[in-house]
Amino acid sequence: MDELGIERAVVVGHSMGSLVATRFALDNPSRVEALVLIGACATLRGNEAIGALSRDGVAEMMDPVDAAFVRAFQESTLARPVPPAFLDTVVAESGKVPARVWRDALRAMLEEDFSGELRNISAPALVVWGDRDGVCSRMEQERLIAALPAATLVVHEGAGHAPQWEDPRRVVADITGFLARTP
C-alpha cells in the first residue's frame, strides 16, 4: 500500500487470508476502510477440520506435494461445483507450494489466537459465510459478529467454505452492497 500510495483500503481475506486481513486491521487500524472476511473463524486454535488436515496429510507431506491430496483438499472445501478449469488452476497453483510452507502455515494458523483483540477493530466488517462450511461453523460466525463492533453477517445457503468460488457474482454483490452502505 505504501509503494502504491494507498493510504486506506478495503481489506478482504478468505480462510487463512481472513486471519491475515484481521491481523492487518488490528495492526493498522487507520489504513483499513472496511474489512471483508470470507470463510472466517475468530481463531483456528482447536479447529478440528484444520487439525485433521494437519494430522492426516500435511504433517508428513513431502515434496513434490501430491496433486491428488491437493485436489481432494480443495474439493473438500466446496459444497457446490465450480468450473472445472478454475478448480484445475487452483489445484495447480496450490501444488506449487512447498511441503514445508503447507506445514508451517497450518502450524501457525493452529497456534494463532487473537480473538480477544477483535473488539479493537473499529472498521465496518462484512462476514460472508456458506452454511455448509466444513471449516468454520455457524457458532464461529456468531463469535466473529459478537466480537467485531461493526460487523454484518451474510449467509450463503448451500455454499461451502469458499462462497466466492461457488457464487462469485453474489459475493461481489454482497461486498459492493456492503460498501455502498458503509460511510
N, C-alpha and C. Protein backbone atom coordinates (compact mmCIF):
# COMPACT_ATOMS: atom_id res chain seq x y z
N MET A 1 0.83 -1.18 0.00
CA MET A 1 0.00 0.00 0.00
C MET A 1 0.88 1.24 0.00
N ASP A 2 1.96 1.19 0.77
CA ASP A 2 2.87 2.33 0.79
C ASP A 2 3.47 2.56 -0.59
N GLU A 3 3.92 1.49 -1.22
CA GLU A 3 4.56 1.60 -2.53
C GLU A 3 3.62 2.20 -3.56
N LEU A 4 2.33 1.87 -3.47
CA LEU A 4 1.35 2.37 -4.43
C LEU A 4 0.69 3.67 -3.99
N GLY A 5 1.05 4.15 -2.81
CA GLY A 5 0.49 5.40 -2.31
C GLY A 5 -0.96 5.27 -1.88
N ILE A 6 -1.35 4.08 -1.43
CA ILE A 6 -2.71 3.84 -0.96
C ILE A 6 -2.74 4.04 0.54
N GLU A 7 -3.46 5.06 0.96
CA GLU A 7 -3.50 5.36 2.39
C GLU A 7 -4.45 4.44 3.15
N ARG A 8 -5.65 4.21 2.58
CA ARG A 8 -6.66 3.36 3.22
C ARG A 8 -7.24 2.44 2.15
N ALA A 9 -7.67 1.26 2.59
CA ALA A 9 -8.22 0.30 1.63
C ALA A 9 -9.26 -0.58 2.31
N VAL A 10 -10.08 -1.19 1.47
CA VAL A 10 -10.95 -2.26 1.92
C VAL A 10 -10.09 -3.51 1.88
N VAL A 11 -9.96 -4.18 3.00
CA VAL A 11 -9.09 -5.34 3.11
C VAL A 11 -9.98 -6.59 3.14
N VAL A 12 -9.70 -7.51 2.20
CA VAL A 12 -10.52 -8.70 2.04
C VAL A 12 -9.64 -9.93 2.23
N GLY A 13 -10.15 -10.92 2.97
CA GLY A 13 -9.41 -12.16 3.14
C GLY A 13 -10.35 -13.34 3.21
N HIS A 14 -9.89 -14.46 2.67
CA HIS A 14 -10.65 -15.71 2.72
C HIS A 14 -9.85 -16.75 3.49
N SER A 15 -10.49 -17.46 4.41
CA SER A 15 -9.89 -18.56 5.14
C SER A 15 -8.61 -18.09 5.83
N MET A 16 -7.46 -18.66 5.49
CA MET A 16 -6.21 -18.20 6.10
C MET A 16 -6.02 -16.71 5.82
N GLY A 17 -6.41 -16.27 4.65
CA GLY A 17 -6.31 -14.86 4.30
C GLY A 17 -7.15 -13.97 5.20
N SER A 18 -8.24 -14.53 5.76
CA SER A 18 -9.05 -13.73 6.69
C SER A 18 -8.28 -13.48 7.98
N LEU A 19 -7.44 -14.44 8.38
CA LEU A 19 -6.60 -14.22 9.56
C LEU A 19 -5.57 -13.12 9.28
N VAL A 20 -5.01 -13.15 8.07
CA VAL A 20 -4.05 -12.12 7.67
C VAL A 20 -4.73 -10.75 7.63
N ALA A 21 -5.91 -10.69 7.01
CA ALA A 21 -6.65 -9.42 6.92
C ALA A 21 -7.00 -8.89 8.31
N THR A 22 -7.41 -9.79 9.19
CA THR A 22 -7.76 -9.38 10.55
C THR A 22 -6.54 -8.86 11.30
N ARG A 23 -5.42 -9.57 11.17
CA ARG A 23 -4.19 -9.10 11.83
C ARG A 23 -3.78 -7.74 11.30
N PHE A 24 -3.92 -7.56 9.96
CA PHE A 24 -3.61 -6.25 9.37
C PHE A 24 -4.51 -5.17 9.97
N ALA A 25 -5.80 -5.46 10.09
CA ALA A 25 -6.73 -4.47 10.65
C ALA A 25 -6.39 -4.14 12.10
N LEU A 26 -5.95 -5.13 12.85
CA LEU A 26 -5.55 -4.89 14.24
C LEU A 26 -4.29 -4.05 14.33
N ASP A 27 -3.34 -4.34 13.45
CA ASP A 27 -2.05 -3.64 13.50
C ASP A 27 -2.05 -2.29 12.81
N ASN A 28 -3.00 -2.07 11.89
CA ASN A 28 -3.01 -0.85 11.07
C ASN A 28 -4.43 -0.27 10.98
N PRO A 29 -5.05 0.04 12.08
CA PRO A 29 -6.46 0.46 12.04
C PRO A 29 -6.73 1.68 11.16
N SER A 30 -5.81 2.60 11.10
CA SER A 30 -6.04 3.80 10.29
C SER A 30 -5.95 3.53 8.79
N ARG A 31 -5.44 2.36 8.40
CA ARG A 31 -5.28 2.02 6.99
C ARG A 31 -6.47 1.22 6.44
N VAL A 32 -7.40 0.81 7.32
CA VAL A 32 -8.49 -0.08 6.91
C VAL A 32 -9.80 0.70 6.82
N GLU A 33 -10.28 0.83 5.60
CA GLU A 33 -11.57 1.47 5.34
C GLU A 33 -12.72 0.55 5.78
N ALA A 34 -12.58 -0.70 5.42
CA ALA A 34 -13.56 -1.73 5.79
C ALA A 34 -12.85 -3.08 5.70
N LEU A 35 -13.45 -4.08 6.34
CA LEU A 35 -12.87 -5.41 6.40
C LEU A 35 -13.90 -6.41 5.88
N VAL A 36 -13.48 -7.29 4.98
CA VAL A 36 -14.36 -8.33 4.46
C VAL A 36 -13.70 -9.67 4.75
N LEU A 37 -14.40 -10.51 5.52
CA LEU A 37 -13.88 -11.81 5.91
C LEU A 37 -14.79 -12.89 5.33
N ILE A 38 -14.20 -13.81 4.56
CA ILE A 38 -14.96 -14.86 3.89
C ILE A 38 -14.44 -16.21 4.39
N GLY A 39 -15.36 -17.09 4.79
CA GLY A 39 -14.93 -18.38 5.31
C GLY A 39 -14.00 -18.19 6.49
N ALA A 40 -14.40 -17.35 7.42
CA ALA A 40 -13.52 -16.93 8.51
C ALA A 40 -13.94 -17.52 9.85
N CYS A 41 -12.97 -17.65 10.72
CA CYS A 41 -13.18 -18.03 12.11
C CYS A 41 -12.50 -16.99 12.99
N ALA A 42 -12.99 -16.83 14.20
CA ALA A 42 -12.34 -15.92 15.14
C ALA A 42 -10.93 -16.41 15.45
N THR A 43 -10.78 -17.72 15.50
CA THR A 43 -9.48 -18.36 15.67
C THR A 43 -9.58 -19.77 15.10
N LEU A 44 -8.45 -20.30 14.68
CA LEU A 44 -8.42 -21.70 14.23
C LEU A 44 -7.79 -22.60 15.29
N ARG A 45 -7.38 -22.01 16.42
CA ARG A 45 -6.84 -22.82 17.51
C ARG A 45 -7.92 -23.79 17.96
N GLY A 46 -7.59 -25.07 17.95
CA GLY A 46 -8.54 -26.09 18.34
C GLY A 46 -9.55 -26.46 17.26
N ASN A 47 -9.43 -25.89 16.07
CA ASN A 47 -10.36 -26.20 14.98
C ASN A 47 -10.11 -27.61 14.49
N GLU A 48 -11.12 -28.46 14.58
CA GLU A 48 -10.95 -29.87 14.25
C GLU A 48 -10.66 -30.10 12.78
N ALA A 49 -11.30 -29.36 11.89
CA ALA A 49 -11.08 -29.57 10.45
C ALA A 49 -9.64 -29.24 10.07
N ILE A 50 -9.12 -28.15 10.57
CA ILE A 50 -7.73 -27.76 10.25
C ILE A 50 -6.76 -28.68 10.97
N GLY A 51 -7.07 -29.06 12.19
CA GLY A 51 -6.23 -30.01 12.92
C GLY A 51 -6.14 -31.35 12.19
N ALA A 52 -7.28 -31.82 11.67
CA ALA A 52 -7.29 -33.09 10.93
C ALA A 52 -6.50 -32.96 9.63
N LEU A 53 -6.62 -31.83 8.95
CA LEU A 53 -5.85 -31.61 7.73
C LEU A 53 -4.35 -31.69 8.04
N SER A 54 -3.96 -31.09 9.12
CA SER A 54 -2.55 -31.13 9.52
C SER A 54 -2.11 -32.55 9.85
N ARG A 55 -2.87 -33.22 10.71
CA ARG A 55 -2.51 -34.58 11.14
C ARG A 55 -2.56 -35.59 10.01
N ASP A 56 -3.60 -35.51 9.20
CA ASP A 56 -3.89 -36.56 8.23
C ASP A 56 -3.32 -36.35 6.85
N GLY A 57 -2.52 -35.35 6.67
CA GLY A 57 -1.97 -35.17 5.33
C GLY A 57 -0.76 -34.26 5.29
N VAL A 58 -0.85 -33.14 5.97
CA VAL A 58 0.20 -32.14 5.82
C VAL A 58 1.40 -32.43 6.71
N ALA A 59 1.20 -32.99 7.88
CA ALA A 59 2.31 -33.22 8.80
C ALA A 59 3.42 -34.07 8.19
N GLU A 60 3.06 -35.03 7.37
CA GLU A 60 4.03 -35.94 6.75
C GLU A 60 4.28 -35.63 5.28
N MET A 61 3.75 -34.53 4.80
CA MET A 61 3.84 -34.17 3.38
C MET A 61 5.30 -34.00 2.95
N MET A 62 5.59 -34.47 1.75
CA MET A 62 6.93 -34.35 1.17
C MET A 62 6.80 -33.64 -0.18
N ASP A 63 7.90 -33.09 -0.64
CA ASP A 63 7.95 -32.52 -1.99
C ASP A 63 8.28 -33.61 -2.99
N PRO A 64 7.72 -33.58 -4.16
CA PRO A 64 6.67 -32.65 -4.59
C PRO A 64 5.35 -33.00 -3.91
N VAL A 65 4.57 -31.97 -3.65
CA VAL A 65 3.28 -32.14 -3.00
C VAL A 65 2.38 -32.96 -3.92
N ASP A 66 1.71 -33.94 -3.34
CA ASP A 66 0.85 -34.85 -4.08
C ASP A 66 -0.37 -34.11 -4.65
N ALA A 67 -0.49 -34.10 -5.98
CA ALA A 67 -1.58 -33.40 -6.64
C ALA A 67 -2.94 -33.97 -6.24
N ALA A 68 -3.02 -35.27 -6.01
CA ALA A 68 -4.29 -35.88 -5.60
C ALA A 68 -4.71 -35.36 -4.21
N PHE A 69 -3.75 -35.19 -3.31
CA PHE A 69 -4.05 -34.63 -1.99
C PHE A 69 -4.56 -33.20 -2.13
N VAL A 70 -3.86 -32.41 -2.93
CA VAL A 70 -4.25 -31.00 -3.12
C VAL A 70 -5.66 -30.93 -3.69
N ARG A 71 -5.96 -31.74 -4.71
CA ARG A 71 -7.29 -31.73 -5.32
C ARG A 71 -8.35 -32.14 -4.29
N ALA A 72 -8.08 -33.19 -3.53
CA ALA A 72 -9.04 -33.64 -2.52
C ALA A 72 -9.26 -32.55 -1.47
N PHE A 73 -8.21 -31.88 -1.06
CA PHE A 73 -8.34 -30.80 -0.09
C PHE A 73 -9.20 -29.67 -0.65
N GLN A 74 -8.87 -29.20 -1.84
CA GLN A 74 -9.62 -28.09 -2.43
C GLN A 74 -11.08 -28.48 -2.64
N GLU A 75 -11.33 -29.68 -3.13
CA GLU A 75 -12.71 -30.13 -3.35
C GLU A 75 -13.46 -30.25 -2.03
N SER A 76 -12.76 -30.60 -0.96
CA SER A 76 -13.42 -30.77 0.34
C SER A 76 -13.96 -29.46 0.90
N THR A 77 -13.48 -28.34 0.39
CA THR A 77 -13.96 -27.05 0.88
C THR A 77 -15.22 -26.59 0.17
N LEU A 78 -15.60 -27.30 -0.89
CA LEU A 78 -16.73 -26.89 -1.72
C LEU A 78 -17.99 -27.66 -1.37
N ALA A 79 -19.12 -26.99 -1.47
CA ALA A 79 -20.42 -27.64 -1.33
C ALA A 79 -21.13 -27.71 -2.67
N ARG A 80 -20.72 -26.85 -3.59
CA ARG A 80 -21.30 -26.81 -4.93
C ARG A 80 -20.17 -26.84 -5.94
N PRO A 81 -20.45 -27.33 -7.14
CA PRO A 81 -19.38 -27.40 -8.14
C PRO A 81 -18.95 -26.01 -8.61
N VAL A 82 -17.69 -25.96 -9.00
CA VAL A 82 -17.13 -24.76 -9.63
C VAL A 82 -16.67 -25.17 -11.02
N PRO A 83 -16.42 -24.22 -11.91
CA PRO A 83 -15.95 -24.59 -13.24
C PRO A 83 -14.69 -25.46 -13.16
N PRO A 84 -14.66 -26.58 -13.88
CA PRO A 84 -13.51 -27.49 -13.81
C PRO A 84 -12.17 -26.81 -14.12
N ALA A 85 -12.14 -25.92 -15.07
CA ALA A 85 -10.88 -25.24 -15.42
C ALA A 85 -10.40 -24.38 -14.25
N PHE A 86 -11.34 -23.74 -13.55
CA PHE A 86 -10.98 -22.94 -12.39
C PHE A 86 -10.39 -23.83 -11.30
N LEU A 87 -11.06 -24.95 -11.01
CA LEU A 87 -10.56 -25.86 -9.99
C LEU A 87 -9.19 -26.41 -10.38
N ASP A 88 -9.00 -26.73 -11.63
CA ASP A 88 -7.69 -27.21 -12.10
C ASP A 88 -6.60 -26.17 -11.84
N THR A 89 -6.93 -24.90 -12.07
CA THR A 89 -5.96 -23.82 -11.83
C THR A 89 -5.64 -23.71 -10.34
N VAL A 90 -6.67 -23.77 -9.50
CA VAL A 90 -6.46 -23.69 -8.05
C VAL A 90 -5.57 -24.84 -7.58
N VAL A 91 -5.84 -26.03 -8.07
CA VAL A 91 -5.05 -27.21 -7.69
C VAL A 91 -3.61 -27.05 -8.17
N ALA A 92 -3.44 -26.61 -9.41
CA ALA A 92 -2.08 -26.43 -9.95
C ALA A 92 -1.30 -25.40 -9.14
N GLU A 93 -1.94 -24.29 -8.82
CA GLU A 93 -1.26 -23.24 -8.06
C GLU A 93 -0.95 -23.71 -6.63
N SER A 94 -1.90 -24.39 -6.00
CA SER A 94 -1.67 -24.90 -4.65
C SER A 94 -0.56 -25.94 -4.63
N GLY A 95 -0.45 -26.70 -5.71
CA GLY A 95 0.59 -27.72 -5.80
C GLY A 95 1.99 -27.15 -5.92
N LYS A 96 2.10 -25.88 -6.25
CA LYS A 96 3.41 -25.23 -6.34
C LYS A 96 3.98 -24.86 -4.97
N VAL A 97 3.12 -24.88 -3.97
CA VAL A 97 3.55 -24.50 -2.62
C VAL A 97 4.35 -25.66 -2.03
N PRO A 98 5.58 -25.40 -1.58
CA PRO A 98 6.40 -26.48 -1.00
C PRO A 98 5.76 -27.06 0.27
N ALA A 99 6.06 -28.30 0.54
CA ALA A 99 5.51 -29.01 1.70
C ALA A 99 5.80 -28.26 3.00
N ARG A 100 6.99 -27.72 3.15
CA ARG A 100 7.33 -27.02 4.39
C ARG A 100 6.44 -25.80 4.61
N VAL A 101 6.02 -25.16 3.52
CA VAL A 101 5.13 -24.00 3.65
C VAL A 101 3.73 -24.45 4.08
N TRP A 102 3.24 -25.54 3.51
CA TRP A 102 1.97 -26.10 3.97
C TRP A 102 2.04 -26.37 5.47
N ARG A 103 3.11 -27.05 5.91
CA ARG A 103 3.25 -27.39 7.34
C ARG A 103 3.35 -26.14 8.21
N ASP A 104 4.22 -25.21 7.82
CA ASP A 104 4.43 -24.01 8.64
C ASP A 104 3.18 -23.15 8.69
N ALA A 105 2.48 -23.02 7.57
CA ALA A 105 1.27 -22.20 7.54
C ALA A 105 0.19 -22.80 8.41
N LEU A 106 -0.01 -24.10 8.30
CA LEU A 106 -1.03 -24.74 9.13
C LEU A 106 -0.68 -24.67 10.61
N ARG A 107 0.58 -24.89 10.92
CA ARG A 107 1.00 -24.81 12.32
C ARG A 107 0.74 -23.40 12.87
N ALA A 108 1.11 -22.40 12.11
CA ALA A 108 0.90 -21.01 12.55
C ALA A 108 -0.59 -20.71 12.72
N MET A 109 -1.41 -21.20 11.79
CA MET A 109 -2.86 -20.97 11.88
C MET A 109 -3.44 -21.62 13.13
N LEU A 110 -2.97 -22.81 13.47
CA LEU A 110 -3.48 -23.51 14.64
C LEU A 110 -2.99 -22.90 15.95
N GLU A 111 -1.85 -22.23 15.91
CA GLU A 111 -1.29 -21.63 17.12
C GLU A 111 -1.81 -20.21 17.38
N GLU A 112 -2.14 -19.49 16.32
CA GLU A 112 -2.54 -18.08 16.44
C GLU A 112 -3.93 -17.95 17.06
N ASP A 113 -4.07 -17.01 17.97
CA ASP A 113 -5.39 -16.70 18.52
C ASP A 113 -5.39 -15.25 18.98
N PHE A 114 -5.92 -14.40 18.13
CA PHE A 114 -6.09 -13.00 18.53
C PHE A 114 -7.57 -12.65 18.63
N SER A 115 -8.38 -13.68 18.92
CA SER A 115 -9.82 -13.46 19.03
C SER A 115 -10.17 -12.47 20.14
N GLY A 116 -9.36 -12.42 21.18
CA GLY A 116 -9.61 -11.46 22.26
C GLY A 116 -9.36 -10.02 21.87
N GLU A 117 -8.70 -9.80 20.72
CA GLU A 117 -8.40 -8.45 20.26
C GLU A 117 -9.43 -7.93 19.25
N LEU A 118 -10.33 -8.79 18.78
CA LEU A 118 -11.24 -8.41 17.70
C LEU A 118 -12.07 -7.18 18.04
N ARG A 119 -12.40 -7.00 19.31
CA ARG A 119 -13.20 -5.84 19.72
C ARG A 119 -12.50 -4.52 19.41
N ASN A 120 -11.19 -4.58 19.15
CA ASN A 120 -10.43 -3.36 18.86
C ASN A 120 -10.51 -2.94 17.39
N ILE A 121 -11.15 -3.73 16.56
CA ILE A 121 -11.29 -3.37 15.14
C ILE A 121 -12.52 -2.47 15.01
N SER A 122 -12.29 -1.23 14.65
CA SER A 122 -13.40 -0.28 14.54
C SER A 122 -13.95 -0.18 13.13
N ALA A 123 -13.23 -0.68 12.15
CA ALA A 123 -13.69 -0.60 10.77
C ALA A 123 -14.94 -1.45 10.59
N PRO A 124 -15.86 -1.02 9.74
CA PRO A 124 -17.01 -1.86 9.43
C PRO A 124 -16.53 -3.18 8.84
N ALA A 125 -17.17 -4.27 9.22
CA ALA A 125 -16.74 -5.59 8.75
C ALA A 125 -17.93 -6.35 8.16
N LEU A 126 -17.67 -7.00 7.04
CA LEU A 126 -18.64 -7.90 6.42
C LEU A 126 -18.09 -9.31 6.55
N VAL A 127 -18.90 -10.20 7.11
CA VAL A 127 -18.52 -11.60 7.25
C VAL A 127 -19.41 -12.39 6.29
N VAL A 128 -18.79 -13.07 5.32
CA VAL A 128 -19.51 -13.86 4.33
C VAL A 128 -19.25 -15.33 4.64
N TRP A 129 -20.33 -16.09 4.79
CA TRP A 129 -20.19 -17.48 5.23
C TRP A 129 -21.16 -18.38 4.49
N GLY A 130 -20.68 -19.54 4.09
CA GLY A 130 -21.53 -20.57 3.50
C GLY A 130 -22.02 -21.50 4.58
N ASP A 131 -23.32 -21.76 4.61
CA ASP A 131 -23.86 -22.55 5.71
C ASP A 131 -23.49 -24.04 5.65
N ARG A 132 -22.76 -24.43 4.61
CA ARG A 132 -22.23 -25.80 4.55
C ARG A 132 -20.71 -25.80 4.67
N ASP A 133 -20.18 -24.76 5.28
CA ASP A 133 -18.74 -24.62 5.51
C ASP A 133 -18.30 -25.69 6.51
N GLY A 134 -17.38 -26.56 6.10
CA GLY A 134 -16.89 -27.62 6.96
C GLY A 134 -15.70 -27.21 7.81
N VAL A 135 -15.25 -25.98 7.68
CA VAL A 135 -14.11 -25.49 8.45
C VAL A 135 -14.57 -24.54 9.55
N CYS A 136 -15.36 -23.56 9.19
CA CYS A 136 -15.81 -22.54 10.14
C CYS A 136 -17.31 -22.67 10.35
N SER A 137 -17.71 -22.95 11.55
CA SER A 137 -19.11 -23.25 11.89
C SER A 137 -19.95 -21.99 12.06
N ARG A 138 -21.24 -22.20 12.16
CA ARG A 138 -22.16 -21.10 12.45
C ARG A 138 -21.81 -20.47 13.80
N MET A 139 -21.43 -21.31 14.78
CA MET A 139 -21.02 -20.78 16.07
C MET A 139 -19.82 -19.84 15.92
N GLU A 140 -18.90 -20.19 15.04
CA GLU A 140 -17.75 -19.31 14.80
C GLU A 140 -18.19 -17.98 14.20
N GLN A 141 -19.20 -18.02 13.34
CA GLN A 141 -19.70 -16.78 12.74
C GLN A 141 -20.31 -15.89 13.82
N GLU A 142 -21.05 -16.51 14.72
CA GLU A 142 -21.65 -15.77 15.83
C GLU A 142 -20.57 -15.15 16.71
N ARG A 143 -19.48 -15.90 16.94
CA ARG A 143 -18.36 -15.36 17.73
C ARG A 143 -17.75 -14.15 17.04
N LEU A 144 -17.56 -14.25 15.72
CA LEU A 144 -16.99 -13.13 14.97
C LEU A 144 -17.88 -11.90 15.06
N ILE A 145 -19.16 -12.09 14.78
CA ILE A 145 -20.10 -10.97 14.77
C ILE A 145 -20.19 -10.33 16.16
N ALA A 146 -20.18 -11.14 17.20
CA ALA A 146 -20.25 -10.61 18.57
C ALA A 146 -18.98 -9.86 18.94
N ALA A 147 -17.85 -10.30 18.42
CA ALA A 147 -16.57 -9.69 18.80
C ALA A 147 -16.24 -8.43 17.99
N LEU A 148 -16.66 -8.39 16.74
CA LEU A 148 -16.36 -7.23 15.89
C LEU A 148 -17.43 -6.17 16.11
N PRO A 149 -17.05 -4.96 16.56
CA PRO A 149 -18.04 -3.95 16.92
C PRO A 149 -18.98 -3.52 15.80
N ALA A 150 -18.54 -3.55 14.56
CA ALA A 150 -19.36 -3.06 13.45
C ALA A 150 -19.44 -4.12 12.35
N ALA A 151 -19.97 -5.29 12.70
CA ALA A 151 -19.97 -6.42 11.76
C ALA A 151 -21.36 -6.77 11.27
N THR A 152 -21.39 -7.24 10.02
CA THR A 152 -22.60 -7.73 9.38
C THR A 152 -22.30 -9.13 8.85
N LEU A 153 -23.22 -10.06 9.07
CA LEU A 153 -23.07 -11.42 8.56
C LEU A 153 -24.00 -11.62 7.38
N VAL A 154 -23.45 -12.18 6.30
CA VAL A 154 -24.23 -12.59 5.15
C VAL A 154 -24.03 -14.09 5.00
N VAL A 155 -25.14 -14.83 5.00
CA VAL A 155 -25.09 -16.28 4.90
C VAL A 155 -25.48 -16.71 3.49
N HIS A 156 -24.64 -17.54 2.90
CA HIS A 156 -24.92 -18.14 1.60
C HIS A 156 -25.41 -19.56 1.84
N GLU A 157 -26.71 -19.74 1.70
CA GLU A 157 -27.28 -21.07 1.91
C GLU A 157 -26.80 -22.03 0.83
N GLY A 158 -26.39 -23.21 1.25
CA GLY A 158 -25.93 -24.24 0.33
C GLY A 158 -24.49 -24.09 -0.11
N ALA A 159 -23.78 -23.07 0.37
CA ALA A 159 -22.39 -22.84 -0.02
C ALA A 159 -21.45 -23.41 1.04
N GLY A 160 -20.24 -23.73 0.60
CA GLY A 160 -19.23 -24.27 1.49
C GLY A 160 -18.28 -23.21 2.00
N HIS A 161 -17.03 -23.60 2.19
CA HIS A 161 -16.01 -22.73 2.78
C HIS A 161 -15.56 -21.62 1.83
N ALA A 162 -15.84 -21.75 0.55
CA ALA A 162 -15.38 -20.77 -0.43
C ALA A 162 -16.55 -20.23 -1.25
N PRO A 163 -17.46 -19.48 -0.63
CA PRO A 163 -18.61 -18.97 -1.39
C PRO A 163 -18.21 -18.07 -2.55
N GLN A 164 -17.05 -17.43 -2.45
CA GLN A 164 -16.59 -16.56 -3.54
C GLN A 164 -16.23 -17.38 -4.78
N TRP A 165 -15.95 -18.66 -4.63
CA TRP A 165 -15.71 -19.54 -5.78
C TRP A 165 -17.02 -20.11 -6.29
N GLU A 166 -17.90 -20.45 -5.36
CA GLU A 166 -19.14 -21.13 -5.73
C GLU A 166 -20.18 -20.19 -6.32
N ASP A 167 -20.21 -18.95 -5.87
CA ASP A 167 -21.16 -17.96 -6.38
C ASP A 167 -20.50 -16.59 -6.38
N PRO A 168 -19.51 -16.40 -7.27
CA PRO A 168 -18.74 -15.16 -7.25
C PRO A 168 -19.57 -13.90 -7.48
N ARG A 169 -20.57 -13.98 -8.33
CA ARG A 169 -21.38 -12.78 -8.59
C ARG A 169 -22.12 -12.33 -7.33
N ARG A 170 -22.64 -13.29 -6.61
CA ARG A 170 -23.35 -12.93 -5.38
C ARG A 170 -22.40 -12.35 -4.34
N VAL A 171 -21.21 -12.92 -4.20
CA VAL A 171 -20.26 -12.39 -3.23
C VAL A 171 -19.85 -10.97 -3.63
N VAL A 172 -19.62 -10.73 -4.91
CA VAL A 172 -19.31 -9.37 -5.37
C VAL A 172 -20.47 -8.43 -5.02
N ALA A 173 -21.70 -8.88 -5.26
CA ALA A 173 -22.87 -8.05 -4.92
C ALA A 173 -22.94 -7.80 -3.42
N ASP A 174 -22.64 -8.83 -2.62
CA ASP A 174 -22.62 -8.65 -1.16
C ASP A 174 -21.63 -7.57 -0.77
N ILE A 175 -20.44 -7.66 -1.33
CA ILE A 175 -19.38 -6.71 -0.97
C ILE A 175 -19.70 -5.31 -1.46
N THR A 176 -20.13 -5.17 -2.71
CA THR A 176 -20.42 -3.83 -3.23
C THR A 176 -21.61 -3.22 -2.50
N GLY A 177 -22.62 -4.03 -2.18
CA GLY A 177 -23.76 -3.52 -1.41
C GLY A 177 -23.34 -3.07 -0.03
N PHE A 178 -22.51 -3.87 0.62
CA PHE A 178 -22.00 -3.52 1.95
C PHE A 178 -21.22 -2.20 1.89
N LEU A 179 -20.35 -2.08 0.90
CA LEU A 179 -19.54 -0.87 0.79
C LEU A 179 -20.40 0.36 0.46
N ALA A 180 -21.47 0.16 -0.31
CA ALA A 180 -22.36 1.28 -0.63
C ALA A 180 -23.07 1.79 0.63
N ARG A 181 -23.30 0.91 1.59
CA ARG A 181 -23.96 1.29 2.85
C ARG A 181 -22.98 1.77 3.92
N THR A 182 -21.69 1.60 3.64
CA THR A 182 -20.66 1.94 4.63
C THR A 182 -20.24 3.40 4.47
N PRO A 183 -20.31 4.14 5.54
CA PRO A 183 -19.94 5.58 5.46
C PRO A 183 -18.48 5.79 5.12
